[in-house]
C-alpha atoms as a PDB file:
ATOM      1  CA  MET A   1       0.000   0.000   0.000  1.00  0.00           C
ATOM      2  CA  VAL A   2       1.269   3.488  -0.839  1.00  0.00           C
ATOM      3  CA  ILE A   3       0.006   6.552   0.989  1.00  0.00           C
ATOM      4  CA  LEU A   4       0.834   9.937  -0.481  1.00  0.00           C
ATOM      5  CA  ILE A   5       0.323  12.879   1.845  1.00  0.00           C
ATOM      6  CA  ILE A   6       0.190  16.303   0.262  1.00  0.00           C
ATOM      7  CA  PRO A   7      -0.005  19.280   2.595  1.00  0.00           C
ATOM      8  CA  THR A   8      -2.464  22.015   1.706  1.00  0.00           C
ATOM      9  CA  LEU A   9      -2.132  25.712   2.327  1.00  0.00           C
ATOM     10  CA  SER A  10      -4.975  27.867   3.561  1.00  0.00           C
ATOM     11  CA  VAL A  11      -4.519  31.621   3.504  1.00  0.00           C
ATOM     12  CA  ARG A  12      -8.063  32.667   4.418  1.00  0.00           C
ATOM     13  CA  GLY A  13      -8.248  32.382   8.187  1.00  0.00           C
ATOM     14  CA  GLN A  14      -5.082  33.208  10.038  1.00  0.00           C
ATOM     15  CA  SER A  15      -4.416  31.346  13.242  1.00  0.00           C
ATOM     16  CA  PRO A  16      -3.784  33.336  16.443  1.00  0.00           C
ATOM     17  CA  ALA A  17      -0.607  31.230  16.843  1.00  0.00           C
ATOM     18  CA  GLU A  18       0.795  32.387  13.489  1.00  0.00           C
ATOM     19  CA  SER A  19       4.573  32.336  13.393  1.00  0.00           C
ATOM     20  CA  PRO A  20       6.509  35.516  12.492  1.00  0.00           C
ATOM     21  CA  SER A  21       7.833  33.898   9.298  1.00  0.00           C
ATOM     22  CA  GLU A  22       4.416  32.769   8.007  1.00  0.00           C
ATOM     23  CA  PRO A  23       3.604  35.982   6.056  1.00  0.00           C
ATOM     24  CA  GLU A  24       6.917  35.567   4.210  1.00  0.00           C
ATOM     25  CA  ALA A  25       6.379  31.841   3.615  1.00  0.00           C
ATOM     26  CA  VAL A  26       2.929  32.081   1.986  1.00  0.00           C
ATOM     27  CA  PRO A  27       4.083  33.835  -1.230  1.00  0.00           C
ATOM     28  CA  ILE A  28       7.011  31.418  -1.553  1.00  0.00           C
ATOM     29  CA  LEU A  29       4.728  28.385  -1.205  1.00  0.00           C
ATOM     30  CA  LYS A  30       2.244  29.848  -3.697  1.00  0.00           C
ATOM     31  CA  LYS A  31       5.034  30.437  -6.230  1.00  0.00           C
ATOM     32  CA  MET A  32       6.293  26.885  -5.737  1.00  0.00           C
ATOM     33  CA  SER A  33       2.828  25.367  -6.187  1.00  0.00           C
ATOM     34  CA  GLU A  34       2.221  27.430  -9.343  1.00  0.00           C
ATOM     35  CA  TYR A  35       5.554  26.241 -10.747  1.00  0.00           C
ATOM     36  CA  LEU A  36       4.746  22.584 -10.030  1.00  0.00           C
ATOM     37  CA  ALA A  37       1.272  22.994 -11.531  1.00  0.00           C
ATOM     38  CA  GLN A  38       2.865  24.032 -14.846  1.00  0.00           C
ATOM     39  CA  THR A  39       5.670  21.438 -14.842  1.00  0.00           C
ATOM     40  CA  GLU A  40       5.060  18.499 -17.183  1.00  0.00           C
ATOM     41  CA  ARG A  41       7.507  16.125 -15.465  1.00  0.00           C
ATOM     42  CA  PHE A  42       9.216  16.135 -12.082  1.00  0.00           C
ATOM     43  CA  SER A  43      10.534  13.690  -9.519  1.00  0.00           C
ATOM     44  CA  VAL A  44      11.213  13.676  -5.826  1.00  0.00           C
ATOM     45  CA  VAL A  45      13.185  11.324  -3.575  1.00  0.00           C
ATOM     46  CA  VAL A  46      11.491  10.515  -0.275  1.00  0.00           C
ATOM     47  CA  ARG A  47      13.549   9.274   2.656  1.00  0.00           C
ATOM     48  CA  ASP A  48      11.318   8.069   5.469  1.00  0.00           C
ATOM     49  CA  GLY A  49      12.012   6.495   8.814  1.00  0.00           C
ATOM     50  CA  TYR A  50       9.876   5.116  11.578  1.00  0.00           C
ATOM     51  CA  ASP A  51      10.187   3.119  14.811  1.00  0.00           C
ATOM     52  CA  VAL A  52       8.306   0.033  15.946  1.00  0.00           C
ATOM     53  CA  VAL A  53       8.308  -0.996  19.598  1.00  0.00           C
ATOM     54  CA  GLN A  54       8.165  -4.758  20.099  1.00  0.00           C
ATOM     55  CA  GLU A  55       6.262  -6.442  22.936  1.00  0.00           C
ATOM     56  CA  SER A  56       9.614  -6.948  24.674  1.00  0.00           C
ATOM     57  CA  GLY A  57      10.147  -3.169  24.698  1.00  0.00           C
ATOM     58  CA  GLN A  58      12.897  -3.312  22.077  1.00  0.00           C
ATOM     59  CA  LYS A  59      12.671  -0.511  19.545  1.00  0.00           C
ATOM     60  CA  LEU A  60      13.317  -1.324  15.880  1.00  0.00           C
ATOM     61  CA  GLU A  61      14.085   1.425  13.379  1.00  0.00           C
ATOM     62  CA  PHE A  62      13.077   1.098   9.746  1.00  0.00           C
ATOM     63  CA  GLY A  63      13.987   3.307   6.836  1.00  0.00           C
ATOM     64  CA  GLU A  64      12.750   3.601   3.277  1.00  0.00           C
ATOM     65  CA  VAL A  65      13.872   5.455   0.181  1.00  0.00           C
ATOM     66  CA  ARG A  66      11.463   5.941  -2.707  1.00  0.00           C
ATOM     67  CA  LYS A  67      11.602   7.940  -5.898  1.00  0.00           C
ATOM     68  CA  LEU A  68       8.322   9.360  -7.192  1.00  0.00           C
ATOM     69  CA  THR A  69       8.196  10.559 -10.797  1.00  0.00           C
ATOM     70  CA  VAL A  70       5.196  12.447 -12.168  1.00  0.00           C
ATOM     71  CA  SER A  71       4.669  12.740 -15.933  1.00  0.00           C
ATOM     72  CA  ARG A  72       1.584  14.727 -16.764  1.00  0.00           C
ATOM     73  CA  PRO A  73      -1.171  14.255 -17.546  1.00  0.00           C
ATOM     74  CA  ASP A  74      -1.565  10.691 -16.299  1.00  0.00           C
ATOM     75  CA  HIS A  75       1.591   8.915 -15.129  1.00  0.00           C
ATOM     76  CA  LEU A  76       2.948   8.354 -11.634  1.00  0.00           C
ATOM     77  CA  ARG A  77       5.885   5.997 -11.115  1.00  0.00           C
ATOM     78  CA  ILE A  78       7.071   4.946  -7.678  1.00  0.00           C
ATOM     79  CA  GLU A  79      10.400   3.167  -7.336  1.00  0.00           C
ATOM     80  CA  GLY A  80      11.604   1.566  -4.133  1.00  0.00           C
ATOM     81  CA  ASP A  81      10.496  -0.976  -1.571  1.00  0.00           C
ATOM     82  CA  LEU A  82       6.687  -0.972  -1.569  1.00  0.00           C
ATOM     83  CA  ASN A  83       6.119  -3.544   1.207  1.00  0.00           C
END
């Protein structure tokens, strides 16, 4: 199973806990998303890690590396361990 999480950006309601850098970050993120929306092909390498605690209390660390390639309008290729 592959789960792809894509963060979204909401500019409408500003949180009372807004960080001082957020007003500067919004235009940068908008520019980046506009660029990606126009790009016909791009790829990204995802390095992910997570821990699993066994019943014995021993902690095991796992890591994964995947390459995602998008070719518009209708291709998504994922390379790596998909277990």
